[in-house]
Amino acid sequence: MGLGDDDHNYWEQMRLGDKQALFELYNQEYFHLIRFGLKINADDELIKDCVNQLFLNIWDKRERLHTVENVRAYLMTSLRHCILDQLLYANKTNAALSKMVAEKEWSELSYEEVLIRIQQDDHLKEKLKIAIRQLTPRQMELIQLKFFEGLSYEHIAEKTNQTVKTAYNTIYDAIKVLRKLLK
């Protein structure tokens, strides 16, 4: 029995709810995945976090997972997606922080003005939460994936078993509803 056979057996047992099989698969593939991830990005902490997140996601979705012929290839592809998503999210965050620092808007405000802006921000967040609750469950899910998890339309389509066009249209319709509710 080759190593790939062990992976396949662990995968199938894990899909049936065997937590020990997940641990065995994790232990068997961890260093291969770390080595692979470091070829994509040299940040070893990011890679370790993504590998751990990958296995947490697999466990959470175990009941919806399909049989996989090449488990290592599946894990490597999933890890690559996770790393790229994390890098994209970090880039967006850094860009927003850079913009804020460049404007120096917050540092020039008085204490009272800062408090007022924070309260306005909290009020807007609350209005947005209420509006989001009025969307359909599918629209809420896709809005969460797009704007809170920062996934691309391609990743959303893949994650929700839809076409990219359907994901785009659903999000577009949800945004129209939110605009109307927030006016």
C-alpha atoms as a PDB file:
ATOM      1  CA  MET A   1       0.000   0.000   0.000  1.00  0.00           C
ATOM      2  CA  GLY A   2       1.548   3.351  -1.081  1.00  0.00           C
ATOM      3  CA  LEU A   3       1.399   6.680   0.709  1.00  0.00           C
ATOM      4  CA  GLY A   4      -1.314   7.921  -1.642  1.00  0.00           C
ATOM      5  CA  ASP A   5      -3.458   4.966  -0.573  1.00  0.00           C
ATOM      6  CA  ASP A   6      -3.084   5.977   3.086  1.00  0.00           C
ATOM      7  CA  ASP A   7      -4.114   9.552   2.216  1.00  0.00           C
ATOM      8  CA  HIS A   8      -7.120   8.272   0.291  1.00  0.00           C
ATOM      9  CA  ASN A   9      -8.185   6.018   3.189  1.00  0.00           C
ATOM     10  CA  TYR A  10      -7.745   8.820   5.737  1.00  0.00           C
ATOM     11  CA  TRP A  11      -9.727  11.139   3.463  1.00  0.00           C
ATOM     12  CA  GLU A  12     -12.633   8.726   3.195  1.00  0.00           C
ATOM     13  CA  GLN A  13     -12.654   7.992   6.935  1.00  0.00           C
ATOM     14  CA  MET A  14     -12.497  11.714   7.700  1.00  0.00           C
ATOM     15  CA  ARG A  15     -15.473  12.355   5.383  1.00  0.00           C
ATOM     16  CA  LEU A  16     -17.417   9.860   7.507  1.00  0.00           C
ATOM     17  CA  GLY A  17     -16.585  11.813  10.674  1.00  0.00           C
ATOM     18  CA  ASP A  18     -13.437  10.071  11.934  1.00  0.00           C
ATOM     19  CA  LYS A  19     -11.473  12.840  13.661  1.00  0.00           C
ATOM     20  CA  GLN A  20      -8.449  10.569  14.149  1.00  0.00           C
ATOM     21  CA  ALA A  21      -8.249  10.103  10.362  1.00  0.00           C
ATOM     22  CA  LEU A  22      -8.124  13.888   9.991  1.00  0.00           C
ATOM     23  CA  PHE A  23      -5.216  14.023  12.465  1.00  0.00           C
ATOM     24  CA  GLU A  24      -3.406  11.248  10.622  1.00  0.00           C
ATOM     25  CA  LEU A  25      -3.878  13.028   7.294  1.00  0.00           C
ATOM     26  CA  TYR A  26      -2.683  16.279   8.891  1.00  0.00           C
ATOM     27  CA  ASN A  27       0.414  14.595  10.354  1.00  0.00           C
ATOM     28  CA  GLN A  28       1.225  12.845   7.092  1.00  0.00           C
ATOM     29  CA  GLU A  29       0.832  15.916   4.854  1.00  0.00           C
ATOM     30  CA  TYR A  30       1.828  18.815   7.130  1.00  0.00           C
ATOM     31  CA  PHE A  31       5.487  19.138   6.119  1.00  0.00           C
ATOM     32  CA  HIS A  32       4.747  18.558   2.428  1.00  0.00           C
ATOM     33  CA  LEU A  33       2.186  21.369   2.560  1.00  0.00           C
ATOM     34  CA  ILE A  34       4.532  23.694   4.466  1.00  0.00           C
ATOM     35  CA  ARG A  35       7.295  23.099   1.927  1.00  0.00           C
ATOM     36  CA  PHE A  36       4.860  23.681  -0.940  1.00  0.00           C
ATOM     37  CA  GLY A  37       3.465  26.831   0.677  1.00  0.00           C
ATOM     38  CA  LEU A  38       6.910  28.306   1.207  1.00  0.00           C
ATOM     39  CA  LYS A  39       7.443  28.111  -2.549  1.00  0.00           C
ATOM     40  CA  ILE A  40       4.463  30.458  -2.945  1.00  0.00           C
ATOM     41  CA  ASN A  41       5.331  32.850  -0.104  1.00  0.00           C
ATOM     42  CA  ALA A  42       8.287  32.974   2.284  1.00  0.00           C
ATOM     43  CA  ASP A  43       6.220  34.029   5.334  1.00  0.00           C
ATOM     44  CA  ASP A  44       6.353  30.819   7.359  1.00  0.00           C
ATOM     45  CA  GLU A  45       3.756  32.036   9.899  1.00  0.00           C
ATOM     46  CA  LEU A  46       1.287  32.772   7.101  1.00  0.00           C
ATOM     47  CA  ILE A  47       1.898  29.325   5.612  1.00  0.00           C
ATOM     48  CA  LYS A  48       1.440  27.545   8.961  1.00  0.00           C
ATOM     49  CA  ASP A  49      -1.785  29.505   9.587  1.00  0.00           C
ATOM     50  CA  CYS A  50      -3.094  28.616   6.122  1.00  0.00           C
ATOM     51  CA  VAL A  51      -2.272  24.912   6.540  1.00  0.00           C
ATOM     52  CA  ASN A  52      -4.107  24.843   9.870  1.00  0.00           C
ATOM     53  CA  GLN A  53      -7.029  26.796   8.420  1.00  0.00           C
ATOM     54  CA  LEU A  54      -7.158  24.373   5.492  1.00  0.00           C
ATOM     55  CA  PHE A  55      -7.626  21.392   7.783  1.00  0.00           C
ATOM     56  CA  LEU A  56     -10.190  23.229   9.919  1.00  0.00           C
ATOM     57  CA  ASN A  57     -12.161  24.058   6.765  1.00  0.00           C
ATOM     58  CA  ILE A  58     -11.943  20.462   5.555  1.00  0.00           C
ATOM     59  CA  TRP A  59     -13.285  19.198   8.874  1.00  0.00           C
ATOM     60  CA  ASP A  60     -16.116  21.751   8.831  1.00  0.00           C
ATOM     61  CA  LYS A  61     -17.092  20.765   5.281  1.00  0.00           C
ATOM     62  CA  ARG A  62     -16.413  17.024   5.568  1.00  0.00           C
ATOM     63  CA  GLU A  63     -20.038  16.061   4.924  1.00  0.00           C
ATOM     64  CA  ARG A  64     -20.106  17.994   1.636  1.00  0.00           C
ATOM     65  CA  LEU A  65     -16.708  16.831   0.363  1.00  0.00           C
ATOM     66  CA  HIS A  66     -16.428  14.399  -2.491  1.00  0.00           C
ATOM     67  CA  THR A  67     -14.112  11.471  -2.976  1.00  0.00           C
ATOM     68  CA  VAL A  68     -10.702  12.695  -4.084  1.00  0.00           C
ATOM     69  CA  GLU A  69      -8.306  10.548  -6.113  1.00  0.00           C
ATOM     70  CA  ASN A  70      -5.144  12.553  -5.359  1.00  0.00           C
ATOM     71  CA  VAL A  71      -5.529  13.915  -1.842  1.00  0.00           C
ATOM     72  CA  ARG A  72      -2.129  15.628  -1.750  1.00  0.00           C
ATOM     73  CA  ALA A  73      -2.833  17.511  -4.997  1.00  0.00           C
ATOM     74  CA  TYR A  74      -6.237  18.545  -3.645  1.00  0.00           C
ATOM     75  CA  LEU A  75      -4.669  19.804  -0.412  1.00  0.00           C
ATOM     76  CA  MET A  76      -1.940  21.694  -2.263  1.00  0.00           C
ATOM     77  CA  THR A  77      -4.453  23.385  -4.558  1.00  0.00           C
ATOM     78  CA  SER A  78      -6.641  24.324  -1.589  1.00  0.00           C
ATOM     79  CA  LEU A  79      -3.601  25.629   0.284  1.00  0.00           C
ATOM     80  CA  ARG A  80      -2.588  27.758  -2.696  1.00  0.00           C
ATOM     81  CA  HIS A  81      -6.094  29.296  -2.789  1.00  0.00           C
ATOM     82  CA  CYS A  82      -5.955  29.992   0.960  1.00  0.00           C
ATOM     83  CA  ILE A  83      -2.525  31.657   0.727  1.00  0.00           C
ATOM     84  CA  LEU A  84      -3.564  33.803  -2.228  1.00  0.00           C
ATOM     85  CA  ASP A  85      -6.786  34.840  -0.465  1.00  0.00           C
ATOM     86  CA  GLN A  86      -4.823  35.805   2.664  1.00  0.00           C
ATOM     87  CA  LEU A  87      -2.288  37.799   0.622  1.00  0.00           C
ATOM     88  CA  LEU A  88      -5.085  39.599  -1.223  1.00  0.00           C
ATOM     89  CA  TYR A  89      -6.800  40.432   2.064  1.00  0.00           C
ATOM     90  CA  ALA A  90      -3.513  41.699   3.548  1.00  0.00           C
ATOM     91  CA  ASN A  91      -2.909  43.877   0.483  1.00  0.00           C
ATOM     92  CA  LYS A  92      -6.383  45.413   0.768  1.00  0.00           C
ATOM     93  CA  THR A  93      -5.878  46.076   4.473  1.00  0.00           C
ATOM     94  CA  ASN A  94      -2.454  47.620   3.909  1.00  0.00           C
ATOM     95  CA  ALA A  95      -3.814  49.824   1.127  1.00  0.00           C
ATOM     96  CA  ALA A  96      -6.610  51.087   3.376  1.00  0.00           C
ATOM     97  CA  LEU A  97      -4.182  51.806   6.214  1.00  0.00           C
ATOM     98  CA  SER A  98      -1.792  53.570   3.853  1.00  0.00           C
ATOM     99  CA  LYS A  99      -4.613  55.736   2.580  1.00  0.00           C
ATOM    100  CA  MET A 100      -5.656  56.620   6.103  1.00  0.00           C
ATOM    101  CA  VAL A 101      -2.091  57.473   7.115  1.00  0.00           C
ATOM    102  CA  ALA A 102      -1.592  59.496   3.935  1.00  0.00           C
ATOM    103  CA  GLU A 103      -4.682  61.567   4.685  1.00  0.00           C
ATOM    104  CA  LYS A 104      -3.653  62.046   8.342  1.00  0.00           C
ATOM    105  CA  GLU A 105      -7.297  62.829   8.891  1.00  0.00           C
ATOM    106  CA  TRP A 106      -7.678  61.070  12.236  1.00  0.00           C
ATOM    107  CA  SER A 107      -4.531  62.484  13.793  1.00  0.00           C
ATOM    108  CA  GLU A 108      -5.688  66.077  13.179  1.00  0.00           C
ATOM    109  CA  LEU A 109      -9.116  65.669  14.774  1.00  0.00           C
ATOM    110  CA  SER A 110      -9.932  66.663  18.317  1.00  0.00           C
ATOM    111  CA  TYR A 111     -10.896  64.028  20.855  1.00  0.00           C
ATOM    112  CA  GLU A 112     -14.580  64.989  20.589  1.00  0.00           C
ATOM    113  CA  GLU A 113     -14.507  64.774  16.780  1.00  0.00           C
ATOM    114  CA  VAL A 114     -12.933  61.315  16.954  1.00  0.00           C
ATOM    115  CA  LEU A 115     -15.673  60.152  19.353  1.00  0.00           C
ATOM    116  CA  ILE A 116     -18.394  61.568  17.096  1.00  0.00           C
ATOM    117  CA  ARG A 117     -16.934  59.802  14.062  1.00  0.00           C
ATOM    118  CA  ILE A 118     -16.697  56.513  15.965  1.00  0.00           C
ATOM    119  CA  GLN A 119     -20.345  56.823  17.041  1.00  0.00           C
ATOM    120  CA  GLN A 120     -21.395  57.630  13.468  1.00  0.00           C
ATOM    121  CA  ASP A 121     -19.419  54.627  12.249  1.00  0.00           C
ATOM    122  CA  ASP A 122     -21.113  52.387  14.840  1.00  0.00           C
ATOM    123  CA  HIS A 123     -24.527  53.742  13.813  1.00  0.00           C
ATOM    124  CA  LEU A 124     -23.793  53.040  10.146  1.00  0.00           C
ATOM    125  CA  LYS A 125     -22.581  49.526  10.979  1.00  0.00           C
ATOM    126  CA  GLU A 126     -25.802  48.834  12.885  1.00  0.00           C
ATOM    127  CA  LYS A 127     -27.929  50.090   9.974  1.00  0.00           C
ATOM    128  CA  LEU A 128     -25.935  47.856   7.627  1.00  0.00           C
ATOM    129  CA  LYS A 129     -26.433  44.798   9.881  1.00  0.00           C
ATOM    130  CA  ILE A 130     -30.195  45.397   9.921  1.00  0.00           C
ATOM    131  CA  ALA A 131     -30.264  45.814   6.135  1.00  0.00           C
ATOM    132  CA  ILE A 132     -28.188  42.653   5.563  1.00  0.00           C
ATOM    133  CA  ARG A 133     -30.642  40.639   7.691  1.00  0.00           C
ATOM    134  CA  GLN A 134     -33.364  41.546   5.171  1.00  0.00           C
ATOM    135  CA  LEU A 135     -31.511  39.830   2.303  1.00  0.00           C
ATOM    136  CA  THR A 136     -32.203  36.250   1.283  1.00  0.00           C
ATOM    137  CA  PRO A 137     -29.987  33.620   2.931  1.00  0.00           C
ATOM    138  CA  ARG A 138     -28.097  33.075  -0.354  1.00  0.00           C
ATOM    139  CA  GLN A 139     -27.534  36.825  -0.796  1.00  0.00           C
ATOM    140  CA  MET A 140     -26.287  37.103   2.810  1.00  0.00           C
ATOM    141  CA  GLU A 141     -23.888  34.196   2.258  1.00  0.00           C
ATOM    142  CA  LEU A 142     -22.446  35.690  -0.936  1.00  0.00           C
ATOM    143  CA  ILE A 143     -22.152  39.192   0.561  1.00  0.00           C
ATOM    144  CA  GLN A 144     -20.270  37.643   3.499  1.00  0.00           C
ATOM    145  CA  LEU A 145     -17.890  35.802   1.171  1.00  0.00           C
ATOM    146  CA  LYS A 146     -17.286  38.786  -1.108  1.00  0.00           C
ATOM    147  CA  PHE A 147     -16.992  41.705   1.271  1.00  0.00           C
ATOM    148  CA  PHE A 148     -16.134  40.241   4.662  1.00  0.00           C
ATOM    149  CA  GLU A 149     -13.895  37.345   3.576  1.00  0.00           C
ATOM    150  CA  GLY A 150     -12.607  39.139   0.472  1.00  0.00           C
ATOM    151  CA  LEU A 151     -13.067  36.242  -1.949  1.00  0.00           C
ATOM    152  CA  SER A 152     -13.093  36.747  -5.704  1.00  0.00           C
ATOM    153  CA  TYR A 153     -16.178  35.894  -7.747  1.00  0.00           C
ATOM    154  CA  GLU A 154     -14.355  32.809  -9.046  1.00  0.00           C
ATOM    155  CA  HIS A 155     -13.654  31.564  -5.516  1.00  0.00           C
ATOM    156  CA  ILE A 156     -17.220  32.331  -4.429  1.00  0.00           C
ATOM    157  CA  ALA A 157     -18.608  30.391  -7.388  1.00  0.00           C
ATOM    158  CA  GLU A 158     -16.328  27.463  -6.618  1.00  0.00           C
ATOM    159  CA  LYS A 159     -17.169  27.517  -2.902  1.00  0.00           C
ATOM    160  CA  THR A 160     -20.945  27.702  -3.447  1.00  0.00           C
ATOM    161  CA  ASN A 161     -21.177  25.420  -6.497  1.00  0.00           C
ATOM    162  CA  GLN A 162     -22.495  28.177  -8.767  1.00  0.00           C
ATOM    163  CA  THR A 163     -21.344  29.783 -11.966  1.00  0.00           C
ATOM    164  CA  VAL A 164     -19.345  32.992 -11.731  1.00  0.00           C
ATOM    165  CA  LYS A 165     -22.159  34.827 -13.519  1.00  0.00           C
ATOM    166  CA  THR A 166     -24.745  33.610 -10.987  1.00  0.00           C
ATOM    167  CA  ALA A 167     -22.524  34.668  -8.077  1.00  0.00           C
ATOM    168  CA  TYR A 168     -21.975  38.087  -9.666  1.00  0.00           C
ATOM    169  CA  ASN A 169     -25.693  38.587 -10.365  1.00  0.00           C
ATOM    170  CA  THR A 170     -26.702  37.506  -6.847  1.00  0.00           C
ATOM    171  CA  ILE A 171     -24.221  39.916  -5.262  1.00  0.00           C
ATOM    172  CA  TYR A 172     -25.268  42.701  -7.652  1.00  0.00           C
ATOM    173  CA  ASP A 173     -28.939  42.187  -6.715  1.00  0.00           C
ATOM    174  CA  ALA A 174     -28.047  42.139  -3.008  1.00  0.00           C
ATOM    175  CA  ILE A 175     -26.164  45.429  -3.338  1.00  0.00           C
ATOM    176  CA  LYS A 176     -29.161  47.003  -5.080  1.00  0.00           C
ATOM    177  CA  VAL A 177     -31.397  45.902  -2.191  1.00  0.00           C
ATOM    178  CA  LEU A 178     -28.912  47.224   0.387  1.00  0.00           C
ATOM    179  CA  ARG A 179     -28.659  50.600  -1.362  1.00  0.00           C
ATOM    180  CA  LYS A 180     -32.427  50.911  -1.345  1.00  0.00           C
ATOM    181  CA  LEU A 181     -32.677  49.947   2.332  1.00  0.00           C
ATOM    182  CA  LEU A 182     -29.872  52.292   3.433  1.00  0.00           C
ATOM    183  CA  LYS A 183     -31.281  55.416   1.736  1.00  0.00           C
END
